[in-house]
Amino acid sequence: MSVPANAFVDETGSVVKNSEVVLTIAEALSARDWLTNLLNTQTTDGQMLESGGMIKITASVNNKQEV
């Protein structure tokens, strides 16, 4: 994965600079993973979608604040 410079902003919309941004990646690639983590994919009218898996990527500064 490649992340360009100045790609992250804080809650005020300011670019995060001079801080280490930590990316956390969680994958759910099987039906068991989806059930264990209470994950699902739905359309806007509530119909279930078939999925080959899900990946959640979060970014944080100082292991607290998501950016």
C-alpha atoms as a PDB file:
ATOM      1  CA  MET A   1       0.000   0.000   0.000  1.00  0.00           C
ATOM      2  CA  SER A   2       1.257   3.463  -0.805  1.00  0.00           C
ATOM      3  CA  VAL A   3       0.006   6.546   1.024  1.00  0.00           C
ATOM      4  CA  PRO A   4       0.907   9.954  -0.407  1.00  0.00           C
ATOM      5  CA  ALA A   5       2.258  12.789   1.721  1.00  0.00           C
ATOM      6  CA  ASN A   6      -0.362  14.932   3.474  1.00  0.00           C
ATOM      7  CA  ALA A   7      -3.037  12.248   2.978  1.00  0.00           C
ATOM      8  CA  PHE A   8      -4.362  12.457   6.543  1.00  0.00           C
ATOM      9  CA  VAL A   9      -6.317  15.231   8.219  1.00  0.00           C
ATOM     10  CA  ASP A  10      -7.444  15.626  11.830  1.00  0.00           C
ATOM     11  CA  GLU A  11     -10.957  16.363  13.117  1.00  0.00           C
ATOM     12  CA  THR A  12     -10.538  20.050  12.279  1.00  0.00           C
ATOM     13  CA  GLY A  13      -9.558  19.291   8.685  1.00  0.00           C
ATOM     14  CA  SER A  14      -5.903  20.235   9.195  1.00  0.00           C
ATOM     15  CA  VAL A  15      -3.231  18.099   7.532  1.00  0.00           C
ATOM     16  CA  VAL A  16      -1.447  15.863  10.062  1.00  0.00           C
ATOM     17  CA  LYS A  17       2.226  16.854  10.032  1.00  0.00           C
ATOM     18  CA  ASN A  18       5.186  16.008  12.258  1.00  0.00           C
ATOM     19  CA  SER A  19       3.328  13.041  13.775  1.00  0.00           C
ATOM     20  CA  GLU A  20       3.573   9.321  13.206  1.00  0.00           C
ATOM     21  CA  VAL A  21       0.400   7.957  11.650  1.00  0.00           C
ATOM     22  CA  VAL A  22      -0.202   4.280  12.442  1.00  0.00           C
ATOM     23  CA  LEU A  23      -2.262   2.216  10.001  1.00  0.00           C
ATOM     24  CA  THR A  24      -4.129  -0.817  11.324  1.00  0.00           C
ATOM     25  CA  ILE A  25      -5.487  -3.374   8.896  1.00  0.00           C
ATOM     26  CA  ALA A  26      -8.096  -5.984   9.837  1.00  0.00           C
ATOM     27  CA  GLU A  27      -9.283  -8.545   7.331  1.00  0.00           C
ATOM     28  CA  ALA A  28     -12.378 -10.724   7.333  1.00  0.00           C
ATOM     29  CA  LEU A  29     -12.105 -13.115   4.426  1.00  0.00           C
ATOM     30  CA  SER A  30     -14.379 -15.975   5.463  1.00  0.00           C
ATOM     31  CA  ALA A  31     -17.980 -16.329   6.585  1.00  0.00           C
ATOM     32  CA  ARG A  32     -16.685 -17.369  10.009  1.00  0.00           C
ATOM     33  CA  ASP A  33     -14.719 -14.085  10.278  1.00  0.00           C
ATOM     34  CA  TRP A  34     -17.834 -12.094   9.304  1.00  0.00           C
ATOM     35  CA  LEU A  35     -20.011 -13.846  11.887  1.00  0.00           C
ATOM     36  CA  THR A  36     -17.383 -13.563  14.633  1.00  0.00           C
ATOM     37  CA  ASN A  37     -16.987  -9.823  14.016  1.00  0.00           C
ATOM     38  CA  LEU A  38     -20.703  -9.172  13.331  1.00  0.00           C
ATOM     39  CA  LEU A  39     -19.925  -7.863   9.840  1.00  0.00           C
ATOM     40  CA  ASN A  40     -22.220  -7.744   6.835  1.00  0.00           C
ATOM     41  CA  THR A  41     -22.677  -5.900   3.579  1.00  0.00           C
ATOM     42  CA  GLN A  42     -26.054  -4.485   2.614  1.00  0.00           C
ATOM     43  CA  THR A  43     -27.595  -2.340  -0.070  1.00  0.00           C
ATOM     44  CA  THR A  44     -29.312   0.901   0.911  1.00  0.00           C
ATOM     45  CA  ASP A  45     -32.657  -0.938   0.924  1.00  0.00           C
ATOM     46  CA  GLY A  46     -31.356  -3.624   3.325  1.00  0.00           C
ATOM     47  CA  GLN A  47     -30.689  -6.476   0.897  1.00  0.00           C
ATOM     48  CA  MET A  48     -27.635  -8.627   1.673  1.00  0.00           C
ATOM     49  CA  LEU A  49     -24.719  -8.525  -0.764  1.00  0.00           C
ATOM     50  CA  GLU A  50     -22.457 -11.426  -1.587  1.00  0.00           C
ATOM     51  CA  SER A  51     -18.873 -10.634  -0.611  1.00  0.00           C
ATOM     52  CA  GLY A  52     -15.485 -12.188  -1.195  1.00  0.00           C
ATOM     53  CA  GLY A  53     -14.170 -10.538   1.972  1.00  0.00           C
ATOM     54  CA  MET A  54     -13.759  -7.256   3.775  1.00  0.00           C
ATOM     55  CA  ILE A  55     -10.775  -5.210   4.819  1.00  0.00           C
ATOM     56  CA  LYS A  56     -10.933  -2.414   7.386  1.00  0.00           C
ATOM     57  CA  ILE A  57      -8.125   0.132   7.448  1.00  0.00           C
ATOM     58  CA  THR A  58      -7.911   2.688  10.253  1.00  0.00           C
ATOM     59  CA  ALA A  59      -5.337   5.396  10.801  1.00  0.00           C
ATOM     60  CA  SER A  60      -4.462   6.927  14.159  1.00  0.00           C
ATOM     61  CA  VAL A  61      -2.050   9.384  15.711  1.00  0.00           C
ATOM     62  CA  ASN A  62      -0.563   8.588  19.131  1.00  0.00           C
ATOM     63  CA  ASN A  63      -2.649   5.377  19.133  1.00  0.00           C
ATOM     64  CA  LYS A  64      -5.712   7.418  20.091  1.00  0.00           C
ATOM     65  CA  GLN A  65      -7.095   9.770  17.548  1.00  0.00           C
ATOM     66  CA  GLU A  66      -8.349   8.389  14.235  1.00  0.00           C
ATOM     67  CA  VAL A  67      -7.403  10.518  11.247  1.00  0.00           C
END
